[in-house]
């Protein structure tokens, strides 16, 4: 099976690329938009005719996976045009390539398509995005689902794991804790979500692709925590840390973009179809990263 992963220099795409490359029978190409790596090739989803782009049509994949987007929620709120381009337009352009090849398409989405009033959410709960970022993710979802009945949307949230740039919340915490420098973090204690390891997302997506699944699937593990609780989980592995956590309400922090407070996802649909799948949790990941800290 031949797969193109758009946005493979990021967290989820990078884990997909590394995992699928080691899987027999998979031939995978990962692309980057702005952040290049030694394992990816250039593809500008905002300018598909760019002569510097990797030739997806010539590669002739069986699937296109689109992991790329502008995921900085507050920046999106203040730059809606750029948010639209990098989330909706990029998806529209990638879908056009999939249509020419007559192949299915997998899109990575978010629990932010919900308003956070009554999470965690199942797939069929009515959507109600409350930020620019969320509205654009939902618009992209709808494009994907309407383009081809064989297409897939995977919703995830609070994704963590191994990443070249160490941008995800847990990775940044680990980096700062390992430096041992004093630091104070002001974190929301009223935003709840279901963190998931990017490698688990990659493994779940692989099963769905192999079996030709379609529609929307939530991919979530067993943790349901707010940001303060999540940070404390990490700090517990560093008994001599110099970090201080100051809990704040979201209204006190007053971010530019509104946040769904009771978010998160329920992966019952996926697990009912793959009952032997074992999601890892935050503690599982931390144990592999902090063997020498305790």
C-alpha atoms as a PDB file:
ATOM      1  CA  UNK A   1       0.000   0.000   0.000  1.00  0.00           C
ATOM      2  CA  UNK A   2       1.290   3.435  -1.008  1.00  0.00           C
ATOM      3  CA  UNK A   3       0.526   6.417   1.209  1.00  0.00           C
ATOM      4  CA  UNK A   4       1.301  10.136   1.086  1.00  0.00           C
ATOM      5  CA  UNK A   5       1.294  11.918   4.441  1.00  0.00           C
ATOM      6  CA  UNK A   6       0.876  15.683   4.149  1.00  0.00           C
ATOM      7  CA  UNK A   7       2.358  17.436   7.168  1.00  0.00           C
ATOM      8  CA  UNK A   8       4.729  14.629   8.094  1.00  0.00           C
ATOM      9  CA  UNK A   9       7.207  16.889   9.869  1.00  0.00           C
ATOM     10  CA  UNK A  10       4.671  17.500  12.645  1.00  0.00           C
ATOM     11  CA  UNK A  11       3.647  15.442  15.647  1.00  0.00           C
ATOM     12  CA  UNK A  12       1.005  13.090  14.250  1.00  0.00           C
ATOM     13  CA  UNK A  13       2.359  13.000  10.711  1.00  0.00           C
ATOM     14  CA  UNK A  14       5.878  12.297  11.941  1.00  0.00           C
ATOM     15  CA  UNK A  15       4.715   9.382  14.064  1.00  0.00           C
ATOM     16  CA  UNK A  16       2.719   8.029  11.143  1.00  0.00           C
ATOM     17  CA  UNK A  17       5.713   8.280   8.833  1.00  0.00           C
ATOM     18  CA  UNK A  18       8.067   6.482  11.215  1.00  0.00           C
ATOM     19  CA  UNK A  19       5.558   3.779  12.087  1.00  0.00           C
ATOM     20  CA  UNK A  20       4.367   3.054   8.534  1.00  0.00           C
ATOM     21  CA  UNK A  21       7.879   3.002   7.090  1.00  0.00           C
ATOM     22  CA  UNK A  22       8.642   0.022   9.327  1.00  0.00           C
ATOM     23  CA  UNK A  23       5.493  -1.840   8.338  1.00  0.00           C
ATOM     24  CA  UNK A  24       5.856  -4.543   5.632  1.00  0.00           C
ATOM     25  CA  UNK A  25       3.907  -3.788   2.481  1.00  0.00           C
ATOM     26  CA  UNK A  26       3.706  -0.024   3.105  1.00  0.00           C
ATOM     27  CA  UNK A  27       5.473   2.475   0.863  1.00  0.00           C
ATOM     28  CA  UNK A  28       5.204   5.928   2.414  1.00  0.00           C
ATOM     29  CA  UNK A  29       6.191   9.463   1.438  1.00  0.00           C
ATOM     30  CA  UNK A  30       5.924  12.255   3.998  1.00  0.00           C
ATOM     31  CA  UNK A  31       5.776  15.899   2.986  1.00  0.00           C
ATOM     32  CA  UNK A  32       6.414  19.192   4.757  1.00  0.00           C
ATOM     33  CA  UNK A  33       4.926  22.642   4.199  1.00  0.00           C
ATOM     34  CA  UNK A  34       7.386  24.959   5.963  1.00  0.00           C
ATOM     35  CA  UNK A  35       9.387  22.902   8.462  1.00  0.00           C
ATOM     36  CA  UNK A  36      11.625  20.506   6.537  1.00  0.00           C
ATOM     37  CA  UNK A  37      13.222  17.355   7.902  1.00  0.00           C
ATOM     38  CA  UNK A  38      15.630  14.813   6.473  1.00  0.00           C
ATOM     39  CA  UNK A  39      12.722  12.363   6.141  1.00  0.00           C
ATOM     40  CA  UNK A  40      10.258  14.587   4.287  1.00  0.00           C
ATOM     41  CA  UNK A  41       9.888  16.188   0.868  1.00  0.00           C
ATOM     42  CA  UNK A  42       8.392  19.563   0.026  1.00  0.00           C
ATOM     43  CA  UNK A  43       4.758  19.979  -0.913  1.00  0.00           C
ATOM     44  CA  UNK A  44       2.979  23.327  -0.766  1.00  0.00           C
ATOM     45  CA  UNK A  45      -0.697  22.574  -0.182  1.00  0.00           C
ATOM     46  CA  UNK A  46      -1.544  26.223  -0.858  1.00  0.00           C
ATOM     47  CA  UNK A  47       0.119  26.055  -4.280  1.00  0.00           C
ATOM     48  CA  UNK A  48      -0.266  22.524  -5.659  1.00  0.00           C
ATOM     49  CA  UNK A  49       1.211  23.565  -9.016  1.00  0.00           C
ATOM     50  CA  UNK A  50       4.492  24.694  -7.449  1.00  0.00           C
ATOM     51  CA  UNK A  51       7.209  23.048  -9.569  1.00  0.00           C
ATOM     52  CA  UNK A  52       9.227  22.342  -6.419  1.00  0.00           C
ATOM     53  CA  UNK A  53       6.452  20.118  -5.061  1.00  0.00           C
ATOM     54  CA  UNK A  54       6.816  16.377  -4.745  1.00  0.00           C
ATOM     55  CA  UNK A  55       4.910  14.744  -7.615  1.00  0.00           C
ATOM     56  CA  UNK A  56       2.039  13.018  -5.844  1.00  0.00           C
ATOM     57  CA  UNK A  57       0.305  12.097  -9.095  1.00  0.00           C
ATOM     58  CA  UNK A  58       3.410  10.299 -10.326  1.00  0.00           C
ATOM     59  CA  UNK A  59       3.795   8.461  -7.005  1.00  0.00           C
ATOM     60  CA  UNK A  60       0.171   7.333  -7.421  1.00  0.00           C
ATOM     61  CA  UNK A  61      -0.692   6.569  -3.784  1.00  0.00           C
ATOM     62  CA  UNK A  62      -3.589   4.477  -2.511  1.00  0.00           C
ATOM     63  CA  UNK A  63      -4.337   6.978   0.283  1.00  0.00           C
ATOM     64  CA  UNK A  64      -3.605  10.598   1.118  1.00  0.00           C
ATOM     65  CA  UNK A  65      -3.422  11.491   4.818  1.00  0.00           C
ATOM     66  CA  UNK A  66      -3.675  15.186   5.648  1.00  0.00           C
ATOM     67  CA  UNK A  67      -2.117  16.082   9.019  1.00  0.00           C
ATOM     68  CA  UNK A  68      -1.190  19.644   8.178  1.00  0.00           C
ATOM     69  CA  UNK A  69      -3.057  22.633   9.617  1.00  0.00           C
ATOM     70  CA  UNK A  70      -2.546  25.841  11.545  1.00  0.00           C
ATOM     71  CA  UNK A  71      -3.187  24.573  15.067  1.00  0.00           C
ATOM     72  CA  UNK A  72      -2.203  27.627  17.141  1.00  0.00           C
ATOM     73  CA  UNK A  73      -5.718  28.408  18.359  1.00  0.00           C
ATOM     74  CA  UNK A  74      -5.155  31.969  19.569  1.00  0.00           C
ATOM     75  CA  UNK A  75      -3.168  32.915  16.478  1.00  0.00           C
ATOM     76  CA  UNK A  76      -5.994  31.592  14.291  1.00  0.00           C
ATOM     77  CA  UNK A  77      -8.472  33.772  16.172  1.00  0.00           C
ATOM     78  CA  UNK A  78      -6.450  36.863  15.346  1.00  0.00           C
ATOM     79  CA  UNK A  79      -5.493  35.802  11.807  1.00  0.00           C
ATOM     80  CA  UNK A  80      -8.657  34.243  10.347  1.00  0.00           C
ATOM     81  CA  UNK A  81      -7.552  34.560   6.708  1.00  0.00           C
ATOM     82  CA  UNK A  82      -4.350  32.633   7.316  1.00  0.00           C
ATOM     83  CA  UNK A  83      -6.264  30.112   9.430  1.00  0.00           C
ATOM     84  CA  UNK A  84      -8.697  29.539   6.559  1.00  0.00           C
ATOM     85  CA  UNK A  85      -5.919  29.116   4.034  1.00  0.00           C
ATOM     86  CA  UNK A  86      -3.832  26.675   6.062  1.00  0.00           C
ATOM     87  CA  UNK A  87      -6.743  24.584   7.312  1.00  0.00           C
ATOM     88  CA  UNK A  88      -9.616  24.801   4.814  1.00  0.00           C
ATOM     89  CA  UNK A  89      -7.957  25.777   1.538  1.00  0.00           C
ATOM     90  CA  UNK A  90      -5.074  23.361   2.039  1.00  0.00           C
ATOM     91  CA  UNK A  91      -7.604  20.568   2.586  1.00  0.00           C
ATOM     92  CA  UNK A  92      -9.581  21.580  -0.478  1.00  0.00           C
ATOM     93  CA  UNK A  93      -6.430  21.491  -2.609  1.00  0.00           C
ATOM     94  CA  UNK A  94      -5.362  18.112  -1.233  1.00  0.00           C
ATOM     95  CA  UNK A  95      -8.843  16.696  -1.831  1.00  0.00           C
ATOM     96  CA  UNK A  96      -8.616  17.763  -5.470  1.00  0.00           C
ATOM     97  CA  UNK A  97      -5.509  15.601  -5.865  1.00  0.00           C
ATOM     98  CA  UNK A  98      -7.248  12.651  -4.217  1.00  0.00           C
ATOM     99  CA  UNK A  99     -10.184  13.144  -6.583  1.00  0.00           C
ATOM    100  CA  UNK A 100      -7.909  13.068  -9.627  1.00  0.00           C
ATOM    101  CA  UNK A 101      -6.382   9.824  -8.373  1.00  0.00           C
ATOM    102  CA  UNK A 102      -9.782   8.455  -7.288  1.00  0.00           C
ATOM    103  CA  UNK A 103      -8.421   7.440  -3.914  1.00  0.00           C
ATOM    104  CA  UNK A 104      -9.651   7.868  -0.322  1.00  0.00           C
ATOM    105  CA  UNK A 105      -8.465  10.605   1.974  1.00  0.00           C
ATOM    106  CA  UNK A 106      -7.880  10.710   5.744  1.00  0.00           C
ATOM    107  CA  UNK A 107      -8.153  13.996   7.639  1.00  0.00           C
ATOM    108  CA  UNK A 108      -6.993  14.714  11.185  1.00  0.00           C
ATOM    109  CA  UNK A 109      -9.500  16.829  13.102  1.00  0.00           C
ATOM    110  CA  UNK A 110     -10.183  17.871  16.691  1.00  0.00           C
ATOM    111  CA  UNK A 111     -12.625  17.845  19.604  1.00  0.00           C
ATOM    112  CA  UNK A 112     -12.764  21.622  19.190  1.00  0.00           C
ATOM    113  CA  UNK A 113     -15.586  21.082  16.691  1.00  0.00           C
ATOM    114  CA  UNK A 114     -17.710  20.745  19.858  1.00  0.00           C
ATOM    115  CA  UNK A 115     -18.544  23.601  22.232  1.00  0.00           C
ATOM    116  CA  UNK A 116     -17.288  21.944  25.427  1.00  0.00           C
ATOM    117  CA  UNK A 117     -20.592  22.142  27.241  1.00  0.00           C
ATOM    118  CA  UNK A 118     -21.091  18.394  27.718  1.00  0.00           C
ATOM    119  CA  UNK A 119     -17.981  16.427  26.814  1.00  0.00           C
ATOM    120  CA  UNK A 120     -16.396  14.025  26.401  1.00  0.00           C
ATOM    121  CA  UNK A 121     -18.100  13.477  23.063  1.00  0.00           C
ATOM    122  CA  UNK A 122     -19.116  10.641  20.767  1.00  0.00           C
ATOM    123  CA  UNK A 123     -18.907  11.034  17.010  1.00  0.00           C
ATOM    124  CA  UNK A 124     -22.607  11.686  16.494  1.00  0.00           C
ATOM    125  CA  UNK A 125     -22.955  14.528  19.000  1.00  0.00           C
ATOM    126  CA  UNK A 126     -24.020  17.791  17.309  1.00  0.00           C
ATOM    127  CA  UNK A 127     -21.046  20.000  16.503  1.00  0.00           C
ATOM    128  CA  UNK A 128     -20.879  23.627  17.623  1.00  0.00           C
ATOM    129  CA  UNK A 129     -17.435  25.236  17.144  1.00  0.00           C
ATOM    130  CA  UNK A 130     -16.798  28.369  19.182  1.00  0.00           C
ATOM    131  CA  UNK A 131     -13.488  29.654  17.776  1.00  0.00           C
ATOM    132  CA  UNK A 132     -12.076  30.510  14.355  1.00  0.00           C
ATOM    133  CA  UNK A 133      -9.759  27.506  14.499  1.00  0.00           C
ATOM    134  CA  UNK A 134     -12.630  25.185  15.383  1.00  0.00           C
ATOM    135  CA  UNK A 135     -14.941  26.547  12.687  1.00  0.00           C
ATOM    136  CA  UNK A 136     -12.266  26.026  10.059  1.00  0.00           C
ATOM    137  CA  UNK A 137     -11.542  22.474  11.255  1.00  0.00           C
ATOM    138  CA  UNK A 138     -15.238  21.650  10.991  1.00  0.00           C
ATOM    139  CA  UNK A 139     -15.449  23.225   7.545  1.00  0.00           C
ATOM    140  CA  UNK A 140     -12.514  21.082   6.440  1.00  0.00           C
ATOM    141  CA  UNK A 141     -14.161  17.991   7.961  1.00  0.00           C
ATOM    142  CA  UNK A 142     -17.305  18.643   5.961  1.00  0.00           C
ATOM    143  CA  UNK A 143     -15.327  19.065   2.745  1.00  0.00           C
ATOM    144  CA  UNK A 144     -13.624  15.725   3.355  1.00  0.00           C
ATOM    145  CA  UNK A 145     -16.792  13.808   4.180  1.00  0.00           C
ATOM    146  CA  UNK A 146     -18.734  15.280   1.258  1.00  0.00           C
ATOM    147  CA  UNK A 147     -15.958  14.703  -1.285  1.00  0.00           C
ATOM    148  CA  UNK A 148     -15.953  10.903  -1.178  1.00  0.00           C
ATOM    149  CA  UNK A 149     -18.001   8.403   0.887  1.00  0.00           C
ATOM    150  CA  UNK A 150     -14.790   6.404   1.381  1.00  0.00           C
ATOM    151  CA  UNK A 151     -13.016   9.251   3.185  1.00  0.00           C
ATOM    152  CA  UNK A 152     -12.051   9.201   6.863  1.00  0.00           C
ATOM    153  CA  UNK A 153     -11.979  11.849   9.589  1.00  0.00           C
ATOM    154  CA  UNK A 154     -10.114  11.145  12.834  1.00  0.00           C
ATOM    155  CA  UNK A 155     -10.825  13.469  15.736  1.00  0.00           C
ATOM    156  CA  UNK A 156      -8.126  13.780  18.390  1.00  0.00           C
ATOM    157  CA  UNK A 157      -7.174  16.192  21.154  1.00  0.00           C
ATOM    158  CA  UNK A 158      -4.252  17.015  23.467  1.00  0.00           C
ATOM    159  CA  UNK A 159      -1.918  14.907  21.356  1.00  0.00           C
ATOM    160  CA  UNK A 160       1.516  14.224  22.825  1.00  0.00           C
ATOM    161  CA  UNK A 161       4.507  12.041  22.019  1.00  0.00           C
ATOM    162  CA  UNK A 162       7.874  12.023  20.313  1.00  0.00           C
ATOM    163  CA  UNK A 163       8.354  14.998  18.039  1.00  0.00           C
ATOM    164  CA  UNK A 164      11.353  16.633  16.368  1.00  0.00           C
ATOM    165  CA  UNK A 165      10.438  20.144  17.482  1.00  0.00           C
ATOM    166  CA  UNK A 166       9.112  19.070  20.915  1.00  0.00           C
ATOM    167  CA  UNK A 167       6.178  21.472  20.522  1.00  0.00           C
ATOM    168  CA  UNK A 168       3.453  19.476  22.245  1.00  0.00           C
ATOM    169  CA  UNK A 169       2.543  20.311  25.847  1.00  0.00           C
ATOM    170  CA  UNK A 170       4.062  17.239  27.516  1.00  0.00           C
ATOM    171  CA  UNK A 171       7.231  17.384  25.416  1.00  0.00           C
ATOM    172  CA  UNK A 172       7.757  21.063  26.308  1.00  0.00           C
ATOM    173  CA  UNK A 173       7.240  20.294  29.982  1.00  0.00           C
ATOM    174  CA  UNK A 174       9.741  17.449  29.864  1.00  0.00           C
ATOM    175  CA  UNK A 175      12.314  19.636  28.136  1.00  0.00           C
ATOM    176  CA  UNK A 176      11.957  22.418  30.700  1.00  0.00           C
ATOM    177  CA  UNK A 177      12.000  20.054  33.667  1.00  0.00           C
ATOM    178  CA  UNK A 178      15.136  18.343  32.436  1.00  0.00           C
ATOM    179  CA  UNK A 179      16.877  21.734  32.299  1.00  0.00           C
ATOM    180  CA  UNK A 180      16.129  22.118  36.004  1.00  0.00           C
ATOM    181  CA  UNK A 181      15.544  25.857  35.778  1.00  0.00           C
ATOM    182  CA  UNK A 182      12.924  27.608  37.968  1.00  0.00           C
ATOM    183  CA  UNK A 183       9.709  28.287  36.108  1.00  0.00           C
ATOM    184  CA  UNK A 184       6.137  29.283  36.902  1.00  0.00           C
ATOM    185  CA  UNK A 185       3.261  28.063  34.738  1.00  0.00           C
ATOM    186  CA  UNK A 186      -0.215  29.592  34.792  1.00  0.00           C
ATOM    187  CA  UNK A 187      -2.513  26.825  33.591  1.00  0.00           C
ATOM    188  CA  UNK A 188      -6.284  26.489  33.214  1.00  0.00           C
ATOM    189  CA  UNK A 189      -7.930  24.196  35.734  1.00  0.00           C
ATOM    190  CA  UNK A 190     -11.278  24.101  33.936  1.00  0.00           C
ATOM    191  CA  UNK A 191     -10.339  22.816  30.454  1.00  0.00           C
ATOM    192  CA  UNK A 192     -10.793  19.052  30.318  1.00  0.00           C
ATOM    193  CA  UNK A 193      -9.693  16.763  27.509  1.00  0.00           C
ATOM    194  CA  UNK A 194      -8.564  13.240  26.625  1.00  0.00           C
ATOM    195  CA  UNK A 195      -4.807  13.240  25.865  1.00  0.00           C
ATOM    196  CA  UNK A 196      -3.636  10.671  23.334  1.00  0.00           C
ATOM    197  CA  UNK A 197      -0.205   9.520  22.172  1.00  0.00           C
ATOM    198  CA  UNK A 198       0.516  10.363  18.531  1.00  0.00           C
ATOM    199  CA  UNK A 199       1.885   6.856  18.019  1.00  0.00           C
ATOM    200  CA  UNK A 200      -1.474   5.413  19.082  1.00  0.00           C
ATOM    201  CA  UNK A 201      -3.171   7.724  16.578  1.00  0.00           C
ATOM    202  CA  UNK A 202      -0.840   6.393  13.883  1.00  0.00           C
ATOM    203  CA  UNK A 203      -1.577   2.773  14.813  1.00  0.00           C
ATOM    204  CA  UNK A 204      -5.332   3.332  14.940  1.00  0.00           C
ATOM    205  CA  UNK A 205      -5.318   5.121  11.590  1.00  0.00           C
ATOM    206  CA  UNK A 206      -3.342   2.260  10.073  1.00  0.00           C
ATOM    207  CA  UNK A 207      -5.990  -0.269  11.092  1.00  0.00           C
ATOM    208  CA  UNK A 208      -8.763   1.888   9.670  1.00  0.00           C
ATOM    209  CA  UNK A 209      -6.907   2.382   6.392  1.00  0.00           C
ATOM    210  CA  UNK A 210      -6.083  -1.298   5.953  1.00  0.00           C
ATOM    211  CA  UNK A 211      -9.717  -2.222   6.548  1.00  0.00           C
ATOM    212  CA  UNK A 212     -11.050   0.495   4.250  1.00  0.00           C
ATOM    213  CA  UNK A 213     -13.102   2.213   6.947  1.00  0.00           C
ATOM    214  CA  UNK A 214     -14.854   5.511   6.315  1.00  0.00           C
ATOM    215  CA  UNK A 215     -16.653   8.253   8.195  1.00  0.00           C
ATOM    216  CA  UNK A 216     -15.738   9.828  11.545  1.00  0.00           C
ATOM    217  CA  UNK A 217     -13.820   8.114  14.340  1.00  0.00           C
ATOM    218  CA  UNK A 218     -12.800   9.531  17.702  1.00  0.00           C
ATOM    219  CA  UNK A 219      -9.344   8.441  18.819  1.00  0.00           C
ATOM    220  CA  UNK A 220      -8.877   8.884  22.567  1.00  0.00           C
ATOM    221  CA  UNK A 221      -7.195   7.097  25.430  1.00  0.00           C
ATOM    222  CA  UNK A 222      -8.295   6.599  29.033  1.00  0.00           C
ATOM    223  CA  UNK A 223      -7.044   9.812  30.685  1.00  0.00           C
ATOM    224  CA  UNK A 224      -9.585  12.605  31.238  1.00  0.00           C
ATOM    225  CA  UNK A 225      -7.805  15.544  32.854  1.00  0.00           C
ATOM    226  CA  UNK A 226      -7.546  19.300  32.909  1.00  0.00           C
ATOM    227  CA  UNK A 227      -4.284  21.088  32.121  1.00  0.00           C
ATOM    228  CA  UNK A 228      -3.255  21.423  35.750  1.00  0.00           C
ATOM    229  CA  UNK A 229      -3.796  17.708  36.364  1.00  0.00           C
ATOM    230  CA  UNK A 230      -1.913  16.831  33.188  1.00  0.00           C
ATOM    231  CA  UNK A 231       1.046  19.001  34.165  1.00  0.00           C
ATOM    232  CA  UNK A 232       1.047  17.519  37.665  1.00  0.00           C
ATOM    233  CA  UNK A 233       1.262  14.032  36.175  1.00  0.00           C
ATOM    234  CA  UNK A 234       4.488  15.084  34.497  1.00  0.00           C
ATOM    235  CA  UNK A 235       5.872  16.844  37.557  1.00  0.00           C
ATOM    236  CA  UNK A 236       5.306  13.751  39.687  1.00  0.00           C
ATOM    237  CA  UNK A 237       8.130  12.076  37.763  1.00  0.00           C
ATOM    238  CA  UNK A 238      10.549  14.855  38.793  1.00  0.00           C
ATOM    239  CA  UNK A 239      10.585  14.889  42.626  1.00  0.00           C
ATOM    240  CA  UNK A 240      13.254  17.621  42.726  1.00  0.00           C
ATOM    241  CA  UNK A 241      11.732  19.922  40.109  1.00  0.00           C
ATOM    242  CA  UNK A 242      11.847  23.722  40.300  1.00  0.00           C
ATOM    243  CA  UNK A 243       8.552  24.339  38.547  1.00  0.00           C
ATOM    244  CA  UNK A 244       5.519  26.010  40.097  1.00  0.00           C
ATOM    245  CA  UNK A 245       2.009  25.526  38.726  1.00  0.00           C
ATOM    246  CA  UNK A 246      -0.519  28.261  39.367  1.00  0.00           C
ATOM    247  CA  UNK A 247      -4.084  27.102  38.597  1.00  0.00           C
ATOM    248  CA  UNK A 248      -6.264  29.684  36.876  1.00  0.00           C
ATOM    249  CA  UNK A 249      -9.710  29.641  35.332  1.00  0.00           C
ATOM    250  CA  UNK A 250      -9.928  30.164  31.596  1.00  0.00           C
ATOM    251  CA  UNK A 251     -11.779  33.408  32.208  1.00  0.00           C
ATOM    252  CA  UNK A 252      -8.875  34.619  34.351  1.00  0.00           C
ATOM    253  CA  UNK A 253      -6.337  33.727  31.667  1.00  0.00           C
ATOM    254  CA  UNK A 254      -8.640  35.355  29.086  1.00  0.00           C
ATOM    255  CA  UNK A 255      -7.120  33.898  25.898  1.00  0.00           C
ATOM    256  CA  UNK A 256      -7.950  35.533  22.542  1.00  0.00           C
ATOM    257  CA  UNK A 257      -9.840  32.419  21.416  1.00  0.00           C
ATOM    258  CA  UNK A 258     -12.644  30.839  23.453  1.00  0.00           C
ATOM    259  CA  UNK A 259     -12.012  27.278  24.596  1.00  0.00           C
ATOM    260  CA  UNK A 260     -14.341  24.302  24.958  1.00  0.00           C
ATOM    261  CA  UNK A 261     -14.128  23.599  28.693  1.00  0.00           C
ATOM    262  CA  UNK A 262     -15.590  20.114  28.997  1.00  0.00           C
ATOM    263  CA  UNK A 263     -14.094  18.693  25.831  1.00  0.00           C
ATOM    264  CA  UNK A 264     -12.506  15.365  25.091  1.00  0.00           C
ATOM    265  CA  UNK A 265     -13.582  12.365  23.079  1.00  0.00           C
ATOM    266  CA  UNK A 266     -15.032   8.894  23.605  1.00  0.00           C
ATOM    267  CA  UNK A 267     -13.505   6.220  21.362  1.00  0.00           C
ATOM    268  CA  UNK A 268     -16.224   3.604  21.894  1.00  0.00           C
ATOM    269  CA  UNK A 269     -16.933   3.327  18.161  1.00  0.00           C
ATOM    270  CA  UNK A 270     -13.312   2.548  17.335  1.00  0.00           C
ATOM    271  CA  UNK A 271     -12.864   0.156  20.262  1.00  0.00           C
ATOM    272  CA  UNK A 272     -16.086  -1.690  19.468  1.00  0.00           C
ATOM    273  CA  UNK A 273     -14.633  -2.473  16.037  1.00  0.00           C
ATOM    274  CA  UNK A 274     -11.106  -3.125  17.345  1.00  0.00           C
ATOM    275  CA  UNK A 275     -11.628  -4.544  20.854  1.00  0.00           C
ATOM    276  CA  UNK A 276      -8.047  -5.827  21.086  1.00  0.00           C
ATOM    277  CA  UNK A 277      -6.510  -2.398  20.510  1.00  0.00           C
ATOM    278  CA  UNK A 278      -4.650  -1.174  23.584  1.00  0.00           C
ATOM    279  CA  UNK A 279      -4.336   2.579  24.002  1.00  0.00           C
ATOM    280  CA  UNK A 280      -1.388   3.705  26.075  1.00  0.00           C
ATOM    281  CA  UNK A 281      -1.828   6.519  28.583  1.00  0.00           C
ATOM    282  CA  UNK A 282       0.183   9.500  29.788  1.00  0.00           C
ATOM    283  CA  UNK A 283       1.871   7.526  32.566  1.00  0.00           C
ATOM    284  CA  UNK A 284       2.952   4.836  30.100  1.00  0.00           C
ATOM    285  CA  UNK A 285       4.661   7.484  28.002  1.00  0.00           C
ATOM    286  CA  UNK A 286       6.251   9.290  30.935  1.00  0.00           C
ATOM    287  CA  UNK A 287       7.747   6.083  32.283  1.00  0.00           C
ATOM    288  CA  UNK A 288       9.659   5.635  29.031  1.00  0.00           C
ATOM    289  CA  UNK A 289      10.963   9.207  29.160  1.00  0.00           C
ATOM    290  CA  UNK A 290      11.918   9.565  32.826  1.00  0.00           C
ATOM    291  CA  UNK A 291      13.641   6.324  33.778  1.00  0.00           C
ATOM    292  CA  UNK A 292      16.528   8.162  35.428  1.00  0.00           C
ATOM    293  CA  UNK A 293      14.565  10.939  37.124  1.00  0.00           C
ATOM    294  CA  UNK A 294      13.160   9.077  40.153  1.00  0.00           C
END
